[in-house]
PDB file of N, CA and C in Angstrom:
ATOM      1  N   MET A   1       0.767  -1.188   0.083  1.00  0.00           N
ATOM      2  CA  MET A   1       0.026   0.046  -0.037  1.00  0.00           C
ATOM      3  C   MET A   1       0.886   1.244  -0.124  1.00  0.00           C
ATOM      4  N   VAL A   2       0.515   2.267  -0.735  1.00  0.00           N
ATOM      5  CA  VAL A   2       1.294   3.557  -0.865  1.00  0.00           C
ATOM      6  C   VAL A   2       1.034   4.324   0.425  1.00  0.00           C
ATOM      7  N   LYS A   3       2.127   4.894   0.818  1.00  0.00           N
ATOM      8  CA  LYS A   3       1.789   5.743   2.119  1.00  0.00           C
ATOM      9  C   LYS A   3       1.429   7.249   1.376  1.00  0.00           C
ATOM     10  N   LEU A   4       0.375   7.691   2.142  1.00  0.00           N
ATOM     11  CA  LEU A   4      -0.120   9.011   1.588  1.00  0.00           C
ATOM     12  C   LEU A   4       0.437  10.068   2.426  1.00  0.00           C
ATOM     13  N   PRO A   5       0.674  11.259   1.986  1.00  0.00           N
ATOM     14  CA  PRO A   5       1.208  12.508   2.844  1.00  0.00           C
ATOM     15  C   PRO A   5       0.431  12.582   3.906  1.00  0.00           C
ATOM     16  N   GLU A   6       0.808  13.014   5.167  1.00  0.00           N
ATOM     17  CA  GLU A   6       0.039  13.189   6.443  1.00  0.00           C
ATOM     18  C   GLU A   6      -1.200  14.030   5.949  1.00  0.00           C
ATOM     19  N   HIS A   7      -1.158  15.215   5.270  1.00  0.00           N
ATOM     20  CA  HIS A   7      -2.409  15.830   5.041  1.00  0.00           C
ATOM     21  C   HIS A   7      -3.474  15.475   4.272  1.00  0.00           C
ATOM     22  N   LEU A   8      -3.398  14.072   3.581  1.00  0.00           N
ATOM     23  CA  LEU A   8      -4.108  13.364   2.946  1.00  0.00           C
ATOM     24  C   LEU A   8      -4.705  12.397   3.744  1.00  0.00           C
ATOM     25  N   ASN A   9      -4.207  11.945   4.905  1.00  0.00           N
ATOM     26  CA  ASN A   9      -4.918  11.123   5.794  1.00  0.00           C
ATOM     27  C   ASN A   9      -5.961  11.681   6.409  1.00  0.00           C
ATOM     28  N   VAL A  10      -7.196  11.366   5.760  1.00  0.00           N
ATOM     29  CA  VAL A  10      -8.617  12.341   6.005  1.00  0.00           C
ATOM     30  C   VAL A  10      -8.964  11.986   7.518  1.00  0.00           C
ATOM     31  N   PRO A  11      -9.195  12.775   8.412  1.00  0.00           N
ATOM     32  CA  PRO A  11      -9.717  12.533   9.704  1.00  0.00           C
ATOM     33  C   PRO A  11     -11.167  11.886   9.585  1.00  0.00           C
ATOM     34  N   ARG A  12     -11.523  10.948  10.325  1.00  0.00           N
ATOM     35  CA  ARG A  12     -12.918  10.131  10.398  1.00  0.00           C
ATOM     36  C   ARG A  12     -13.611  10.673  11.435  1.00  0.00           C
ATOM     37  N   HIS A  13     -14.822  10.786  11.324  1.00  0.00           N
ATOM     38  CA  HIS A  13     -15.812  11.171  12.364  1.00  0.00           C
ATOM     39  C   HIS A  13     -16.075   9.809  12.995  1.00  0.00           C
ATOM     40  N   TYR A  14     -15.989   8.949  12.324  1.00  0.00           N
ATOM     41  CA  TYR A  14     -16.323   7.355  12.824  1.00  0.00           C
ATOM     42  C   TYR A  14     -15.646   6.358  11.805  1.00  0.00           C
ATOM     43  N   PRO A  15     -15.552   5.163  12.486  1.00  0.00           N
ATOM     44  CA  PRO A  15     -14.853   4.230  11.406  1.00  0.00           C
ATOM     45  C   PRO A  15     -15.687   3.815  10.428  1.00  0.00           C
ATOM     46  N   PHE A  16     -14.993   3.400   9.333  1.00  0.00           N
ATOM     47  CA  PHE A  16     -15.641   3.030   8.015  1.00  0.00           C
ATOM     48  C   PHE A  16     -15.889   1.334   8.355  1.00  0.00           C
ATOM     49  N   PRO A  17     -16.828   0.737   7.849  1.00  0.00           N
ATOM     50  CA  PRO A  17     -17.049  -0.536   7.837  1.00  0.00           C
ATOM     51  C   PRO A  17     -15.731  -1.398   7.050  1.00  0.00           C
ATOM     52  N   ASP A  18     -15.343  -2.329   7.582  1.00  0.00           N
ATOM     53  CA  ASP A  18     -14.090  -2.961   6.943  1.00  0.00           C
ATOM     54  C   ASP A  18     -14.127  -3.014   5.244  1.00  0.00           C
ATOM     55  N   HIS A  19     -15.170  -3.474   4.636  1.00  0.00           N
ATOM     56  CA  HIS A  19     -15.484  -3.626   3.245  1.00  0.00           C
ATOM     57  C   HIS A  19     -15.267  -2.294   2.535  1.00  0.00           C
ATOM     58  N   PHE A  20     -15.781  -1.210   3.179  1.00  0.00           N
ATOM     59  CA  PHE A  20     -15.673  -0.103   2.571  1.00  0.00           C
ATOM     60  C   PHE A  20     -14.311   0.661   2.803  1.00  0.00           C
ATOM     61  N   ASP A  21     -13.790   0.366   3.835  1.00  0.00           N
ATOM     62  CA  ASP A  21     -12.452   1.009   4.227  1.00  0.00           C
ATOM     63  C   ASP A  21     -11.424   0.401   3.129  1.00  0.00           C
ATOM     64  N   LYS A  22     -11.621  -0.966   2.748  1.00  0.00           N
ATOM     65  CA  LYS A  22     -10.638  -1.526   1.845  1.00  0.00           C
ATOM     66  C   LYS A  22     -10.887  -0.742   0.546  1.00  0.00           C
ATOM     67  N   LEU A  23     -12.003  -0.639   0.157  1.00  0.00           N
ATOM     68  CA  LEU A  23     -12.335   0.128  -1.266  1.00  0.00           C
ATOM     69  C   LEU A  23     -11.724   1.648  -1.019  1.00  0.00           C
ATOM     70  N   TYR A  24     -11.924   2.316  -0.095  1.00  0.00           N
ATOM     71  CA  TYR A  24     -11.575   3.590   0.178  1.00  0.00           C
ATOM     72  C   TYR A  24     -10.068   3.718   0.153  1.00  0.00           C
ATOM     73  N   GLN A  25      -9.264   2.998   0.846  1.00  0.00           N
ATOM     74  CA  GLN A  25      -7.721   2.938   0.849  1.00  0.00           C
ATOM     75  C   GLN A  25      -7.403   2.628  -0.467  1.00  0.00           C
ATOM     76  N   SER A  26      -7.974   1.582  -1.411  1.00  0.00           N
ATOM     77  CA  SER A  26      -7.559   1.255  -2.561  1.00  0.00           C
ATOM     78  C   SER A  26      -7.670   2.326  -3.625  1.00  0.00           C
ATOM     79  N   HIS A  27      -8.907   3.108  -3.338  1.00  0.00           N
ATOM     80  CA  HIS A  27      -9.155   4.182  -4.123  1.00  0.00           C
ATOM     81  C   HIS A  27      -8.018   5.354  -3.979  1.00  0.00           C
ATOM     82  N   LEU A  28      -7.917   5.603  -2.810  1.00  0.00           N
ATOM     83  CA  LEU A  28      -6.655   6.671  -2.395  1.00  0.00           C
ATOM     84  C   LEU A  28      -5.194   6.237  -3.043  1.00  0.00           C
ATOM     85  N   ASN A  29      -4.925   4.947  -2.933  1.00  0.00           N
ATOM     86  CA  ASN A  29      -3.692   4.381  -3.420  1.00  0.00           C
ATOM     87  C   ASN A  29      -3.670   4.718  -5.110  1.00  0.00           C
ATOM     88  N   HIS A  30      -4.925   4.270  -5.679  1.00  0.00           N
ATOM     89  CA  HIS A  30      -4.880   4.578  -7.121  1.00  0.00           C
ATOM     90  C   HIS A  30      -4.635   5.949  -7.406  1.00  0.00           C
ATOM     91  N   LEU A  31      -5.360   6.895  -6.883  1.00  0.00           N
ATOM     92  CA  LEU A  31      -5.169   8.303  -7.116  1.00  0.00           C
ATOM     93  C   LEU A  31      -3.564   8.617  -7.105  1.00  0.00           C
ATOM     94  N   LYS A  32      -3.196   8.136  -5.949  1.00  0.00           N
ATOM     95  CA  LYS A  32      -1.642   8.598  -5.517  1.00  0.00           C
ATOM     96  C   LYS A  32      -0.707   7.988  -6.721  1.00  0.00           C
ATOM     97  N   LEU A  33      -1.022   6.850  -6.963  1.00  0.00           N
ATOM     98  CA  LEU A  33      -0.173   6.114  -8.118  1.00  0.00           C
ATOM     99  C   LEU A  33      -0.333   6.776  -9.555  1.00  0.00           C
ATOM    100  N   LYS A  34      -1.463   7.295  -9.729  1.00  0.00           N
ATOM    101  CA  LYS A  34      -1.780   8.159 -10.954  1.00  0.00           C
ATOM    102  C   LYS A  34      -1.163   9.380 -10.976  1.00  0.00           C
ATOM    103  N   ASP A  35      -0.411   9.763  -9.843  1.00  0.00           N
ATOM    104  CA  ASP A  35       0.234  11.221  -9.448  1.00  0.00           C
ATOM    105  C   ASP A  35      -0.676  12.375  -9.597  1.00  0.00           C
ATOM    106  N   MET A  36      -1.902  12.245  -8.932  1.00  0.00           N
ATOM    107  CA  MET A  36      -2.802  13.344  -9.098  1.00  0.00           C
ATOM    108  C   MET A  36      -2.488  14.302  -7.765  1.00  0.00           C
ATOM    109  N   GLN A  37      -2.840  15.358  -8.082  1.00  0.00           N
ATOM    110  CA  GLN A  37      -2.463  16.587  -7.319  1.00  0.00           C
ATOM    111  C   GLN A  37      -3.217  16.320  -5.748  1.00  0.00           C
ATOM    112  N   PRO A  38      -2.581  16.858  -4.773  1.00  0.00           N
ATOM    113  CA  PRO A  38      -3.137  16.660  -3.359  1.00  0.00           C
ATOM    114  C   PRO A  38      -4.607  17.031  -3.281  1.00  0.00           C
ATOM    115  N   LYS A  39      -4.955  18.346  -3.750  1.00  0.00           N
ATOM    116  CA  LYS A  39      -6.139  18.799  -3.611  1.00  0.00           C
ATOM    117  C   LYS A  39      -7.370  17.853  -4.465  1.00  0.00           C
ATOM    118  N   THR A  40      -6.759  17.388  -5.534  1.00  0.00           N
ATOM    119  CA  THR A  40      -7.495  16.545  -6.469  1.00  0.00           C
ATOM    120  C   THR A  40      -8.034  15.142  -5.551  1.00  0.00           C
ATOM    121  N   ILE A  41      -7.002  14.520  -5.177  1.00  0.00           N
ATOM    122  CA  ILE A  41      -7.138  13.437  -3.997  1.00  0.00           C
ATOM    123  C   ILE A  41      -8.084  13.786  -3.055  1.00  0.00           C
ATOM    124  N   GLU A  42      -8.089  14.868  -2.370  1.00  0.00           N
ATOM    125  CA  GLU A  42      -8.936  15.252  -1.213  1.00  0.00           C
ATOM    126  C   GLU A  42     -10.298  15.338  -1.814  1.00  0.00           C
ATOM    127  N   ALA A  43     -10.495  16.057  -3.086  1.00  0.00           N
ATOM    128  CA  ALA A  43     -11.771  16.161  -3.499  1.00  0.00           C
ATOM    129  C   ALA A  43     -12.387  14.790  -3.888  1.00  0.00           C
ATOM    130  N   TYR A  44     -11.820  13.784  -4.506  1.00  0.00           N
ATOM    131  CA  TYR A  44     -12.124  12.484  -4.791  1.00  0.00           C
ATOM    132  C   TYR A  44     -12.537  11.709  -3.447  1.00  0.00           C
ATOM    133  N   ALA A  45     -11.531  11.917  -2.734  1.00  0.00           N
ATOM    134  CA  ALA A  45     -11.784  11.057  -1.201  1.00  0.00           C
ATOM    135  C   ALA A  45     -13.070  11.513  -0.681  1.00  0.00           C
ATOM    136  N   ARG A  46     -13.272  12.851  -0.617  1.00  0.00           N
ATOM    137  CA  ARG A  46     -14.508  13.369  -0.082  1.00  0.00           C
ATOM    138  C   ARG A  46     -15.666  12.803  -0.786  1.00  0.00           C
ATOM    139  N   VAL A  47     -15.715  12.722  -2.029  1.00  0.00           N
ATOM    140  CA  VAL A  47     -17.043  12.366  -2.750  1.00  0.00           C
ATOM    141  C   VAL A  47     -17.034  10.740  -2.434  1.00  0.00           C
ATOM    142  N   MET A  48     -16.166  10.008  -2.452  1.00  0.00           N
ATOM    143  CA  MET A  48     -16.382   8.586  -2.089  1.00  0.00           C
ATOM    144  C   MET A  48     -16.834   8.555  -0.692  1.00  0.00           C
ATOM    145  N   ARG A  49     -16.359   9.290   0.348  1.00  0.00           N
ATOM    146  CA  ARG A  49     -16.757   9.297   1.642  1.00  0.00           C
ATOM    147  C   ARG A  49     -18.230   9.740   1.668  1.00  0.00           C
ATOM    148  N   ARG A  50     -18.747  10.600   1.091  1.00  0.00           N
ATOM    149  CA  ARG A  50     -20.106  11.087   0.932  1.00  0.00           C
ATOM    150  C   ARG A  50     -20.949   9.890   0.477  1.00  0.00           C
ATOM    151  N   MET A  51     -20.540   9.294  -0.689  1.00  0.00           N
ATOM    152  CA  MET A  51     -21.143   8.303  -1.413  1.00  0.00           C
ATOM    153  C   MET A  51     -21.296   7.157  -0.404  1.00  0.00           C
ATOM    154  N   GLY A  52     -20.334   6.829   0.272  1.00  0.00           N
ATOM    155  CA  GLY A  52     -20.432   5.736   1.325  1.00  0.00           C
ATOM    156  C   GLY A  52     -21.496   6.048   2.262  1.00  0.00           C
ATOM    157  N   VAL A  53     -21.643   7.122   2.776  1.00  0.00           N
ATOM    158  CA  VAL A  53     -22.608   7.455   3.820  1.00  0.00           C
ATOM    159  C   VAL A  53     -23.890   7.467   2.978  1.00  0.00           C
ATOM    160  N   TYR A  54     -24.128   8.000   1.849  1.00  0.00           N
ATOM    161  CA  TYR A  54     -25.361   7.951   1.222  1.00  0.00           C
ATOM    162  C   TYR A  54     -25.773   6.654   0.875  1.00  0.00           C
ATOM    163  N   PHE A  55     -25.039   5.787   0.545  1.00  0.00           N
ATOM    164  CA  PHE A  55     -25.552   4.448   0.090  1.00  0.00           C
ATOM    165  C   PHE A  55     -25.110   3.584   1.253  1.00  0.00           C
ATOM    166  N   ASN A  56     -25.049   3.898   2.439  1.00  0.00           N
ATOM    167  CA  ASN A  56     -24.949   2.828   3.600  1.00  0.00           C
ATOM    168  C   ASN A  56     -23.652   2.020   3.372  1.00  0.00           C
ATOM    169  N   TYR A  57     -22.478   2.665   2.920  1.00  0.00           N
ATOM    170  CA  TYR A  57     -21.414   1.906   2.550  1.00  0.00           C
ATOM    171  C   TYR A  57     -21.532   0.678   1.789  1.00  0.00           C
ATOM    172  N   GLU A  58     -22.609   0.535   0.898  1.00  0.00           N
ATOM    173  CA  GLU A  58     -22.713  -0.548   0.155  1.00  0.00           C
ATOM    174  C   GLU A  58     -22.318   0.048  -1.488  1.00  0.00           C
ATOM    175  N   VAL A  59     -21.174   0.328  -1.720  1.00  0.00           N
ATOM    176  CA  VAL A  59     -20.845   1.183  -2.960  1.00  0.00           C
ATOM    177  C   VAL A  59     -20.485   0.135  -4.023  1.00  0.00           C
ATOM    178  N   GLU A  60     -20.231  -1.157  -3.682  1.00  0.00           N
ATOM    179  CA  GLU A  60     -19.750  -2.333  -4.748  1.00  0.00           C
ATOM    180  C   GLU A  60     -20.796  -2.529  -5.784  1.00  0.00           C
ATOM    181  N   SER A  61     -21.964  -2.400  -5.504  1.00  0.00           N
ATOM    182  CA  SER A  61     -23.065  -2.873  -6.473  1.00  0.00           C
ATOM    183  C   SER A  61     -23.599  -1.577  -7.333  1.00  0.00           C
ATOM    184  N   LEU A  62     -23.048  -0.389  -7.000  1.00  0.00           N
ATOM    185  CA  LEU A  62     -23.758   0.795  -7.619  1.00  0.00           C
ATOM    186  C   LEU A  62     -23.609   0.556  -9.178  1.00  0.00           C
ATOM    187  N   THR A  63     -24.619   1.109  -9.816  1.00  0.00           N
ATOM    188  CA  THR A  63     -24.561   1.385 -11.346  1.00  0.00           C
ATOM    189  C   THR A  63     -23.905   2.602 -11.794  1.00  0.00           C
ATOM    190  N   GLN A  64     -23.442   2.476 -12.972  1.00  0.00           N
ATOM    191  CA  GLN A  64     -22.793   3.811 -13.284  1.00  0.00           C
ATOM    192  C   GLN A  64     -23.860   4.904 -13.456  1.00  0.00           C
ATOM    193  N   ASP A  65     -25.071   4.819 -13.572  1.00  0.00           N
ATOM    194  CA  ASP A  65     -26.002   5.791 -13.382  1.00  0.00           C
ATOM    195  C   ASP A  65     -26.198   6.549 -12.041  1.00  0.00           C
ATOM    196  N   GLN A  66     -26.162   5.608 -11.001  1.00  0.00           N
ATOM    197  CA  GLN A  66     -26.129   5.994  -9.669  1.00  0.00           C
ATOM    198  C   GLN A  66     -24.927   6.802  -9.314  1.00  0.00           C
ATOM    199  N   LEU A  67     -23.813   6.276  -9.626  1.00  0.00           N
ATOM    200  CA  LEU A  67     -22.573   7.132  -9.373  1.00  0.00           C
ATOM    201  C   LEU A  67     -22.565   8.356 -10.155  1.00  0.00           C
ATOM    202  N   VAL A  68     -22.997   8.547 -11.499  1.00  0.00           N
ATOM    203  CA  VAL A  68     -23.048   9.825 -12.066  1.00  0.00           C
ATOM    204  C   VAL A  68     -24.093  10.767 -11.414  1.00  0.00           C
ATOM    205  N   LEU A  69     -25.318  10.378 -11.073  1.00  0.00           N
ATOM    206  CA  LEU A  69     -26.083  11.188 -10.345  1.00  0.00           C
ATOM    207  C   LEU A  69     -25.772  11.893  -8.995  1.00  0.00           C
ATOM    208  N   THR A  70     -25.141  10.694  -8.165  1.00  0.00           N
ATOM    209  CA  THR A  70     -24.707  11.122  -6.947  1.00  0.00           C
ATOM    210  C   THR A  70     -23.533  12.116  -7.063  1.00  0.00           C
ATOM    211  N   VAL A  71     -22.510  12.135  -7.820  1.00  0.00           N
ATOM    212  CA  VAL A  71     -21.264  13.002  -8.076  1.00  0.00           C
ATOM    213  C   VAL A  71     -22.122  14.313  -8.508  1.00  0.00           C
ATOM    214  N   VAL A  72     -23.025  14.313  -9.458  1.00  0.00           N
ATOM    215  CA  VAL A  72     -23.801  15.497 -10.115  1.00  0.00           C
ATOM    216  C   VAL A  72     -24.220  16.231  -8.932  1.00  0.00           C
ATOM    217  N   SER A  73     -25.110  15.455  -8.109  1.00  0.00           N
ATOM    218  CA  SER A  73     -25.687  16.127  -7.048  1.00  0.00           C
ATOM    219  C   SER A  73     -24.916  16.625  -5.993  1.00  0.00           C
ATOM    220  N   GLN A  74     -23.924  16.214  -5.652  1.00  0.00           N
ATOM    221  CA  GLN A  74     -22.889  16.571  -4.813  1.00  0.00           C
ATOM    222  C   GLN A  74     -22.104  17.938  -5.254  1.00  0.00           C
ATOM    223  N   ARG A  75     -22.114  17.867  -6.634  1.00  0.00           N
ATOM    224  CA  ARG A  75     -21.142  19.153  -6.969  1.00  0.00           C
ATOM    225  C   ARG A  75     -22.418  20.254  -7.024  1.00  0.00           C
ATOM    226  N   ALA A  76     -23.581  20.032  -7.230  1.00  0.00           N
ATOM    227  CA  ALA A  76     -24.470  21.027  -7.090  1.00  0.00           C
ATOM    228  C   ALA A  76     -24.629  21.478  -5.716  1.00  0.00           C
ATOM    229  N   ASN A  77     -24.736  20.738  -4.776  1.00  0.00           N
ATOM    230  CA  ASN A  77     -24.776  21.193  -3.386  1.00  0.00           C
ATOM    231  C   ASN A  77     -23.509  21.862  -2.915  1.00  0.00           C
ATOM    232  N   MET A  78     -22.282  21.497  -3.477  1.00  0.00           N
ATOM    233  CA  MET A  78     -21.315  22.476  -3.251  1.00  0.00           C
ATOM    234  C   MET A  78     -21.190  23.817  -3.724  1.00  0.00           C
ATOM    235  N   ALA A  79     -21.688  23.734  -4.961  1.00  0.00           N
ATOM    236  CA  ALA A  79     -21.843  25.038  -5.689  1.00  0.00           C
ATOM    237  C   ALA A  79     -22.699  25.998  -4.973  1.00  0.00           C
ATOM    238  N   VAL A  80     -23.975  25.506  -4.400  1.00  0.00           N
ATOM    239  CA  VAL A  80     -24.864  26.331  -3.667  1.00  0.00           C
ATOM    240  C   VAL A  80     -24.043  26.886  -2.416  1.00  0.00           C
ATOM    241  N   ARG A  81     -23.348  26.034  -1.752  1.00  0.00           N
ATOM    242  CA  ARG A  81     -22.689  26.282  -0.555  1.00  0.00           C
ATOM    243  C   ARG A  81     -21.839  27.437  -0.729  1.00  0.00           C
ATOM    244  N   LEU A  82     -20.881  27.270  -2.012  1.00  0.00           N
ATOM    245  CA  LEU A  82     -19.980  28.411  -2.281  1.00  0.00           C
ATOM    246  C   LEU A  82     -20.476  29.708  -2.634  1.00  0.00           C
ATOM    247  N   ARG A  83     -21.677  29.639  -3.007  1.00  0.00           N
ATOM    248  CA  ARG A  83     -22.376  30.964  -3.380  1.00  0.00           C
ATOM    249  C   ARG A  83     -22.897  31.650  -2.237  1.00  0.00           C
ATOM    250  N   CYS A  84     -23.227  30.972  -1.322  1.00  0.00           N
ATOM    251  CA  CYS A  84     -23.852  31.475  -0.014  1.00  0.00           C
ATOM    252  C   CYS A  84     -22.869  32.165   0.936  1.00  0.00           C
TER     253      CYS A  84
END
């Protein structure tokens, strides 16, 4: 497993279920191996955590449509918060 910089070790408000934590860590490793910028990794990690909460951490069986709708919805919510 790739060691992420300390600022990318996102604090958790509660522990993730084991199956989600494995996917989450794999996702972070993949982004780091692709040499993405730290802010990009943080943003993608935030989306994955939010999707985990929204779908009760059962993200393995999501369809592409569900993923797209979730990401679009979250981006819209973020845009509204930034404007306020």
